C-alpha atoms as a PDB file:
ATOM      1  CA  MET A   1       7.562  14.113   0.611  1.00  0.00           C
ATOM      2  CA  ARG A   2       7.335  11.206   3.049  1.00  0.00           C
ATOM      3  CA  LEU A   3       4.221  10.487   5.077  1.00  0.00           C
ATOM      4  CA  ARG A   4       3.511   8.401   8.134  1.00  0.00           C
ATOM      5  CA  VAL A   5       0.026   6.978   8.544  1.00  0.00           C
ATOM      6  CA  GLU A   6      -1.372   5.716  11.859  1.00  0.00           C
ATOM      7  CA  PHE A   7      -4.742   3.961  11.941  1.00  0.00           C
ATOM      8  CA  THR A   8      -7.066   1.741  13.899  1.00  0.00           C
ATOM      9  CA  THR A   9     -10.260   0.020  12.775  1.00  0.00           C
ATOM     10  CA  GLU A  10     -13.243  -0.780  14.927  1.00  0.00           C
ATOM     11  CA  PRO A  11     -15.072  -2.527  16.446  1.00  0.00           C
ATOM     12  CA  PHE A  12     -12.363  -4.197  18.443  1.00  0.00           C
ATOM     13  CA  ASP A  13     -12.308  -7.869  19.265  1.00  0.00           C
ATOM     14  CA  LEU A  14      -9.450  -9.005  21.509  1.00  0.00           C
ATOM     15  CA  ASP A  15     -10.207 -12.737  21.073  1.00  0.00           C
ATOM     16  CA  GLN A  16      -9.607 -12.767  17.303  1.00  0.00           C
ATOM     17  CA  ALA A  17      -8.839 -10.236  14.619  1.00  0.00           C
ATOM     18  CA  PRO A  18     -12.094  -9.114  12.917  1.00  0.00           C
ATOM     19  CA  ALA A  19     -12.285  -9.269   9.148  1.00  0.00           C
ATOM     20  CA  HIS A  20     -11.869  -5.489   8.774  1.00  0.00           C
ATOM     21  CA  ALA A  21      -8.651  -5.565  10.783  1.00  0.00           C
ATOM     22  CA  VAL A  22      -7.296  -8.432   8.672  1.00  0.00           C
ATOM     23  CA  VAL A  23      -8.155  -6.618   5.450  1.00  0.00           C
ATOM     24  CA  ALA A  24      -6.464  -3.387   6.734  1.00  0.00           C
ATOM     25  CA  ARG A  25      -3.339  -5.330   7.567  1.00  0.00           C
ATOM     26  CA  GLU A  26      -3.309  -6.997   4.152  1.00  0.00           C
ATOM     27  CA  VAL A  27      -3.691  -3.659   2.377  1.00  0.00           C
ATOM     28  CA  ILE A  28      -0.824  -2.076   4.299  1.00  0.00           C
ATOM     29  CA  GLU A  29       1.468  -5.103   4.002  1.00  0.00           C
ATOM     30  CA  ALA A  30       0.811  -5.343   0.209  1.00  0.00           C
ATOM     31  CA  ALA A  31       1.618  -1.674  -0.373  1.00  0.00           C
ATOM     32  CA  GLU A  32       5.235  -0.826  -0.943  1.00  0.00           C
ATOM     33  CA  LEU A  33       5.554   1.061   2.326  1.00  0.00           C
ATOM     34  CA  ASP A  34       8.491   1.348   4.739  1.00  0.00           C
ATOM     35  CA  ALA A  35       8.532   0.777   8.469  1.00  0.00           C
ATOM     36  CA  VAL A  36       5.210  -1.101   8.675  1.00  0.00           C
ATOM     37  CA  ASP A  37       4.211  -1.838  12.222  1.00  0.00           C
ATOM     38  CA  VAL A  38       0.934  -3.712  12.703  1.00  0.00           C
ATOM     39  CA  GLY A  39      -0.425  -4.234  16.248  1.00  0.00           C
ATOM     40  CA  PRO A  40      -3.664  -4.955  18.097  1.00  0.00           C
ATOM     41  CA  PHE A  41      -4.335  -1.307  19.072  1.00  0.00           C
ATOM     42  CA  GLY A  42      -2.682   0.640  16.323  1.00  0.00           C
ATOM     43  CA  ASN A  43      -0.807   0.360  13.078  1.00  0.00           C
ATOM     44  CA  THR A  44       1.750   2.584  11.408  1.00  0.00           C
ATOM     45  CA  ALA A  45       3.523   2.735   8.055  1.00  0.00           C
ATOM     46  CA  GLU A  46       5.714   5.205   6.222  1.00  0.00           C
ATOM     47  CA  GLY A  47       6.434   5.849   2.601  1.00  0.00           C
ATOM     48  CA  GLY A  48       6.315   8.246  -0.286  1.00  0.00           C
ATOM     49  CA  ALA A  49       3.191  10.449  -0.392  1.00  0.00           C
ATOM     50  CA  ASP A  50       1.646   8.863  -3.498  1.00  0.00           C
ATOM     51  CA  THR A  51       2.108   5.311  -2.110  1.00  0.00           C
ATOM     52  CA  VAL A  52       0.763   6.219   1.335  1.00  0.00           C
ATOM     53  CA  LEU A  53      -2.257   8.043  -0.049  1.00  0.00           C
ATOM     54  CA  ALA A  54      -3.116   5.189  -2.394  1.00  0.00           C
ATOM     55  CA  ALA A  55      -2.804   2.687   0.478  1.00  0.00           C
ATOM     56  CA  VAL A  56      -5.029   4.861   2.667  1.00  0.00           C
ATOM     57  CA  ASP A  57      -7.690   4.959  -0.046  1.00  0.00           C
ATOM     58  CA  ALA A  58      -7.631   1.176  -0.367  1.00  0.00           C
ATOM     59  CA  LEU A  59      -7.547   0.756   3.402  1.00  0.00           C
ATOM     60  CA  LEU A  60     -10.636   2.920   3.935  1.00  0.00           C
ATOM     61  CA  ARG A  61     -12.664   1.335   1.114  1.00  0.00           C
ATOM     62  CA  LYS A  62     -11.830  -2.298   1.860  1.00  0.00           C
ATOM     63  CA  SER A  63     -12.010  -2.016   5.641  1.00  0.00           C
ATOM     64  CA  LEU A  64     -15.480  -0.447   5.459  1.00  0.00           C
ATOM     65  CA  GLN A  65     -16.604  -3.152   3.012  1.00  0.00           C
ATOM     66  CA  ALA A  66     -15.325  -5.791   5.446  1.00  0.00           C
ATOM     67  CA  GLY A  67     -17.424  -4.413   8.334  1.00  0.00           C
ATOM     68  CA  ALA A  68     -15.453  -1.667  10.002  1.00  0.00           C
ATOM     69  CA  THR A  69     -17.816   0.815  11.709  1.00  0.00           C
ATOM     70  CA  ARG A  70     -15.087   3.370  12.516  1.00  0.00           C
ATOM     71  CA  ILE A  71     -11.600   4.028  11.230  1.00  0.00           C
ATOM     72  CA  SER A  72      -9.356   6.440  13.125  1.00  0.00           C
ATOM     73  CA  LEU A  73      -6.638   7.832  10.896  1.00  0.00           C
ATOM     74  CA  GLN A  74      -3.781  10.245  11.225  1.00  0.00           C
ATOM     75  CA  VAL A  75      -1.338  11.259   8.499  1.00  0.00           C
ATOM     76  CA  ASN A  76       1.866  13.173   9.258  1.00  0.00           C
ATOM     77  CA  VAL A  77       4.564  14.614   7.031  1.00  0.00           C
ATOM     78  CA  VAL A  78       7.877  13.085   8.090  1.00  0.00           C
ATOM     79  CA  GLY A  79      10.101  14.383   5.279  1.00  0.00           C
ATOM     80  CA  ALA A  80      10.700  17.968   4.349  1.00  0.00           C
ATOM     81  CA  ALA A  81       8.804  19.304   1.387  1.00  0.00           C
ATOM     82  CA  GLY A  82      10.705  18.532  -1.805  1.00  0.00           C
ATOM     83  CA  GLU A  83      12.633  15.588  -0.336  1.00  0.00           C
ATOM     84  CA  GLY A  84      11.940  12.439  -2.337  1.00  0.00           C
ATOM     85  CA  ALA A  85       8.714  13.860  -3.803  1.00  0.00           C
ATOM     86  CA  GLU A  86       6.691  11.382  -5.778  1.00  0.00           C
END
C-alpha cells in the first residue's frame, strides 16, 4: 500500500523557518520517500506504508521537541490495497 502524507507545523514565521519546520523538513528529506514537496504552507510526501508511518512518527516526535505547538497531518491511501505492500 502507498500512502501520501500532508503536514504543516506551527507556529508560522514567514521571516525565517522556525526550528520545528526545519526539523520536519530534515526528517522527511532523510526518509526514503517519493515525491517529496516541501513548502512554506504545506508539505507532502509519498511512499510505502511502513516508510511513511515511520517518517510520521519521527516527524511528530522531533517537531514537538523542537518547539512545534501544533502539527496538522493528513494521511491518504494512494495505492490499492495489496499493491506494493510493505
